[in-house]
C-alpha atoms as a PDB file:
ATOM      1  CA  MET A   1       7.702  -5.182 -17.477  1.00  0.00           C
ATOM      2  CA  ALA A   2       5.902  -2.659 -15.084  1.00  0.00           C
ATOM      3  CA  GLU A   3       3.245  -0.451 -16.696  1.00  0.00           C
ATOM      4  CA  SER A   4       2.971   3.264 -15.920  1.00  0.00           C
ATOM      5  CA  GLN A   5       0.881   6.255 -16.491  1.00  0.00           C
ATOM      6  CA  GLU A   6       2.378   9.434 -17.897  1.00  0.00           C
ATOM      7  CA  ARG A   7       1.546  13.281 -18.421  1.00  0.00           C
ATOM      8  CA  GLN A   8       1.831  15.003 -21.652  1.00  0.00           C
ATOM      9  CA  HIS A   9       5.480  15.826 -21.049  1.00  0.00           C
ATOM     10  CA  GLY A  10       6.557  12.318 -20.054  1.00  0.00           C
ATOM     11  CA  GLU A  11       6.280  13.141 -16.270  1.00  0.00           C
ATOM     12  CA  PRO A  12       4.483  10.403 -14.358  1.00  0.00           C
ATOM     13  CA  THR A  13       1.126  11.225 -12.766  1.00  0.00           C
ATOM     14  CA  ARG A  14       1.086  10.419  -9.028  1.00  0.00           C
ATOM     15  CA  LYS A  15      -2.057   9.103  -7.247  1.00  0.00           C
ATOM     16  CA  PRO A  16      -2.319  10.452  -3.688  1.00  0.00           C
ATOM     17  CA  LEU A  17      -1.802   8.066  -0.825  1.00  0.00           C
ATOM     18  CA  ILE A  18      -4.549   7.809   1.618  1.00  0.00           C
ATOM     19  CA  TRP A  19      -3.261   6.467   4.825  1.00  0.00           C
ATOM     20  CA  LEU A  20      -6.124   4.402   6.531  1.00  0.00           C
ATOM     21  CA  HIS A  21      -3.667   2.977   9.208  1.00  0.00           C
ATOM     22  CA  GLY A  22       0.085   2.956  10.016  1.00  0.00           C
ATOM     23  CA  GLU A  23       2.989   5.149   9.042  1.00  0.00           C
ATOM     24  CA  VAL A  24       6.573   4.947   7.715  1.00  0.00           C
ATOM     25  CA  LYS A  25       8.899   6.996   9.884  1.00  0.00           C
ATOM     26  CA  THR A  26      12.310   6.664  11.802  1.00  0.00           C
ATOM     27  CA  PRO A  27      12.162   4.766  14.286  1.00  0.00           C
ATOM     28  CA  PRO A  28      11.051   2.068  14.044  1.00  0.00           C
ATOM     29  CA  PHE A  29      12.126   2.004  10.447  1.00  0.00           C
ATOM     30  CA  SER A  30      15.843   2.489   9.869  1.00  0.00           C
ATOM     31  CA  LEU A  31      16.658   5.579   7.449  1.00  0.00           C
ATOM     32  CA  GLN A  32      17.423   2.856   4.601  1.00  0.00           C
ATOM     33  CA  GLY A  33      14.070   1.157   5.312  1.00  0.00           C
ATOM     34  CA  ARG A  34      12.038   4.222   5.266  1.00  0.00           C
ATOM     35  CA  GLN A  35      13.716   5.297   1.973  1.00  0.00           C
ATOM     36  CA  GLU A  36      12.967   1.907   0.380  1.00  0.00           C
ATOM     37  CA  ALA A  37       9.389   2.153   1.568  1.00  0.00           C
ATOM     38  CA  GLY A  38       9.104   5.627   0.142  1.00  0.00           C
ATOM     39  CA  MET A  39      10.693   4.371  -3.298  1.00  0.00           C
ATOM     40  CA  LEU A  40       8.099   1.498  -3.466  1.00  0.00           C
ATOM     41  CA  LEU A  41       5.138   3.639  -2.474  1.00  0.00           C
ATOM     42  CA  ARG A  42       6.038   6.035  -5.309  1.00  0.00           C
ATOM     43  CA  LEU A  43       6.081   3.336  -7.788  1.00  0.00           C
ATOM     44  CA  LEU A  44       2.519   2.457  -6.724  1.00  0.00           C
ATOM     45  CA  GLN A  45       1.486   6.099  -6.977  1.00  0.00           C
ATOM     46  CA  GLU A  46       3.066   6.365 -10.625  1.00  0.00           C
ATOM     47  CA  GLY A  47       1.127   3.228 -11.773  1.00  0.00           C
ATOM     48  CA  GLU A  48       3.838   0.670 -11.533  1.00  0.00           C
ATOM     49  CA  LYS A  49       3.098  -2.807 -10.435  1.00  0.00           C
ATOM     50  CA  PRO A  50       6.219  -4.204  -8.558  1.00  0.00           C
ATOM     51  CA  GLY A  51       6.332  -7.867  -8.530  1.00  0.00           C
ATOM     52  CA  MET A  52       8.324 -10.463  -6.383  1.00  0.00           C
ATOM     53  CA  PRO A  53      10.420  -9.908  -4.387  1.00  0.00           C
ATOM     54  CA  LEU A  54       9.286  -6.134  -3.828  1.00  0.00           C
ATOM     55  CA  ALA A  55       5.645  -6.936  -3.473  1.00  0.00           C
ATOM     56  CA  GLU A  56       3.150  -9.616  -3.471  1.00  0.00           C
ATOM     57  CA  PRO A  57      -0.598  -9.733  -4.389  1.00  0.00           C
ATOM     58  CA  LEU A  58      -3.167 -10.293  -1.455  1.00  0.00           C
ATOM     59  CA  PRO A  59      -6.222 -11.592  -3.036  1.00  0.00           C
ATOM     60  CA  ASP A  60      -7.453 -12.830   0.442  1.00  0.00           C
ATOM     61  CA  ILE A  61      -7.835  -9.159   1.437  1.00  0.00           C
ATOM     62  CA  GLY A  62      -9.497  -8.134  -1.931  1.00  0.00           C
ATOM     63  CA  THR A  63      -8.868  -7.282  -5.546  1.00  0.00           C
ATOM     64  CA  ARG A  64      -6.174  -4.877  -6.353  1.00  0.00           C
ATOM     65  CA  CYS A  65      -4.611  -5.402  -2.813  1.00  0.00           C
ATOM     66  CA  GLY A  66      -1.023  -6.297  -2.205  1.00  0.00           C
ATOM     67  CA  ALA A  67       1.790  -5.853   0.301  1.00  0.00           C
ATOM     68  CA  LEU A  68       5.134  -4.183  -0.188  1.00  0.00           C
ATOM     69  CA  ARG A  69       8.030  -6.098   1.286  1.00  0.00           C
ATOM     70  CA  VAL A  70      10.504  -3.660   3.008  1.00  0.00           C
ATOM     71  CA  ARG A  71      13.560  -5.496   4.298  1.00  0.00           C
ATOM     72  CA  ASP A  72      14.903  -3.537   7.194  1.00  0.00           C
ATOM     73  CA  ALA A  73      17.661  -3.778   9.950  1.00  0.00           C
ATOM     74  CA  GLU A  74      15.508  -4.966  12.738  1.00  0.00           C
ATOM     75  CA  HIS A  75      12.350  -6.287  10.867  1.00  0.00           C
ATOM     76  CA  ASN A  76      11.037  -7.251   7.600  1.00  0.00           C
ATOM     77  CA  TRP A  77       7.971  -4.829   7.193  1.00  0.00           C
ATOM     78  CA  ARG A  78       4.815  -5.154   5.168  1.00  0.00           C
ATOM     79  CA  ILE A  79       2.845  -2.224   3.879  1.00  0.00           C
ATOM     80  CA  VAL A  80      -0.600  -3.430   2.952  1.00  0.00           C
ATOM     81  CA  TYR A  81      -2.163  -1.514   0.160  1.00  0.00           C
ATOM     82  CA  ARG A  82      -5.156  -1.232  -2.384  1.00  0.00           C
ATOM     83  CA  ILE A  83      -4.743   0.425  -5.760  1.00  0.00           C
ATOM     84  CA  ASP A  84      -7.869   2.292  -6.809  1.00  0.00           C
ATOM     85  CA  ALA A  85      -8.662   4.401  -9.882  1.00  0.00           C
ATOM     86  CA  ASP A  86      -7.958   7.757  -7.970  1.00  0.00           C
ATOM     87  CA  ALA A  87      -5.601   6.847  -4.986  1.00  0.00           C
ATOM     88  CA  VAL A  88      -3.477   4.041  -3.378  1.00  0.00           C
ATOM     89  CA  LEU A  89      -4.955   3.146  -0.055  1.00  0.00           C
ATOM     90  CA  ILE A  90      -2.590   2.076   2.795  1.00  0.00           C
ATOM     91  CA  LEU A  91      -4.497  -0.341   4.890  1.00  0.00           C
ATOM     92  CA  ASP A  92      -1.821  -1.529   7.397  1.00  0.00           C
ATOM     93  CA  VAL A  93       1.889  -1.385   8.050  1.00  0.00           C
ATOM     94  CA  TYR A  94       3.237  -3.912  10.315  1.00  0.00           C
ATOM     95  CA  PRO A  95       6.656  -5.927  11.082  1.00  0.00           C
ATOM     96  CA  LYS A  96       6.564  -9.634   9.753  1.00  0.00           C
ATOM     97  CA  LYS A  97       7.133 -12.162  12.229  1.00  0.00           C
ATOM     98  CA  THR A  98       5.500 -15.022  10.759  1.00  0.00           C
ATOM     99  CA  GLN A  99       5.376 -17.018   7.525  1.00  0.00           C
ATOM    100  CA  LYS A 100       1.696 -16.487   6.803  1.00  0.00           C
ATOM    101  CA  ILE A 101      -0.004 -13.193   7.070  1.00  0.00           C
ATOM    102  CA  PRO A 102      -1.942 -13.157  10.543  1.00  0.00           C
ATOM    103  CA  ASN A 103      -5.641 -13.520  10.158  1.00  0.00           C
ATOM    104  CA  GLU A 104      -6.053 -10.429  12.283  1.00  0.00           C
ATOM    105  CA  VAL A 105      -4.118  -8.317   9.958  1.00  0.00           C
ATOM    106  CA  ILE A 106      -6.368  -9.777   6.982  1.00  0.00           C
ATOM    107  CA  ARG A 107      -9.670  -8.982   9.019  1.00  0.00           C
ATOM    108  CA  ARG A 108      -8.362  -5.505   9.800  1.00  0.00           C
ATOM    109  CA  CYS A 109      -7.488  -4.464   6.353  1.00  0.00           C
ATOM    110  CA  LYS A 110     -10.790  -5.834   5.002  1.00  0.00           C
ATOM    111  CA  ASP A 111     -12.734  -3.787   7.547  1.00  0.00           C
ATOM    112  CA  ARG A 112     -10.659  -0.757   6.852  1.00  0.00           C
ATOM    113  CA  ALA A 113     -11.276  -1.000   3.018  1.00  0.00           C
ATOM    114  CA  LYS A 114     -15.036  -1.647   3.627  1.00  0.00           C
ATOM    115  CA  ARG A 115     -15.449   1.437   5.908  1.00  0.00           C
ATOM    116  CA  TYR A 116     -13.290   3.577   3.355  1.00  0.00           C
ATOM    117  CA  ASP A 117     -15.772   2.327   0.509  1.00  0.00           C
ATOM    118  CA  ALA A 118     -18.893   3.060   2.641  1.00  0.00           C
ATOM    119  CA  THR A 119     -17.495   6.612   3.489  1.00  0.00           C
ATOM    120  CA  VAL A 120     -16.831   7.321  -0.247  1.00  0.00           C
ATOM    121  CA  ARG A 121     -20.192   6.030  -1.185  1.00  0.00           C
ATOM    122  CA  ASP A 122     -21.985   7.998   1.419  1.00  0.00           C
ATOM    123  CA  SER A 123     -20.178  11.323   0.576  1.00  0.00           C
ATOM    124  CA  LYS A 124     -21.321  10.879  -3.209  1.00  0.00           C
ATOM    125  CA  LYS A 125     -24.995  10.251  -2.081  1.00  0.00           C
ATOM    126  CA  SER A 126     -25.039  13.485  -0.043  1.00  0.00           C
ATOM    127  CA  GLY A 127     -22.690  15.441  -2.297  1.00  0.00           C
END
């Protein structure tokens, strides 16, 4: 069963989404694909951990990383994310065209997460 975080009155808390790359809009997503992506992102924000077939872990990118799997009219989309204590980072959004995640996507996601971590670390030092 998925875990969730709740406020005092039973309302789920929502972590902010931090978009490091990509977007979910129509087009290229269909209306149904965009709605599914929004529902899955909201689950992440509320602390849910969707499993297969809705999401898959991506330890090759890093701990707490995964990909939401969005079936759409034209493509099967992947939304690569990392769950931090205070936010959900969106590392990439791309149409899936091959069985394996392309090495270039893995490299880009690792680089974006690394740059984000460095920026956060630097802002804490100077703040």
